[in-house]
């Protein structure tokens, strides 16, 4: 009987965590209603770099997707209808590799969205890594880096040559 109670307790905890999935990286607690939160000045989010011809169709399943445009260096976002490039163009990047499918879903057990990392929630958001003037603090940024500048109160993106306020 004790074993059954322990198993039920573990399964209940796993189910509760699934419903309220919040992940903190580089810190112990998630700020507010974040689904994925990064510690202050510890890392950046690097967007996938893709040739525009290889971007998936922009529709309801890819709404909210972000990628770096390999030809222009701009941040590309999908609004559910069209892909939009943000920021200034920079030097092209050669992209190679094969999509092996699958991905990780945080916040739900399944999702109709397509991607490598899917944040599925109706009431939680991604909290970007926070920096004060990332252009001065991040010594060797990688193309596609995305962070929140707490001083400028803006999302900034590294296109391979410059940091751009979006």
Foldseek 3Di string as FASTA:
>chain_A
DVVVVVVVVVVVVVVVCLQQAADEACDDDDPDQANYYYEAPDDFDFFAEDAPVPDPAQAPQAAQHWHQHQCFLFIWHRNRHDIDGDDGGDHHDDDDDDDPDDADEGNHPDGSHGDNYHDDDPGHHHATHEDAPVVVVVPDDDRRTWGAHPVVRFIWGHSHPDIDGD
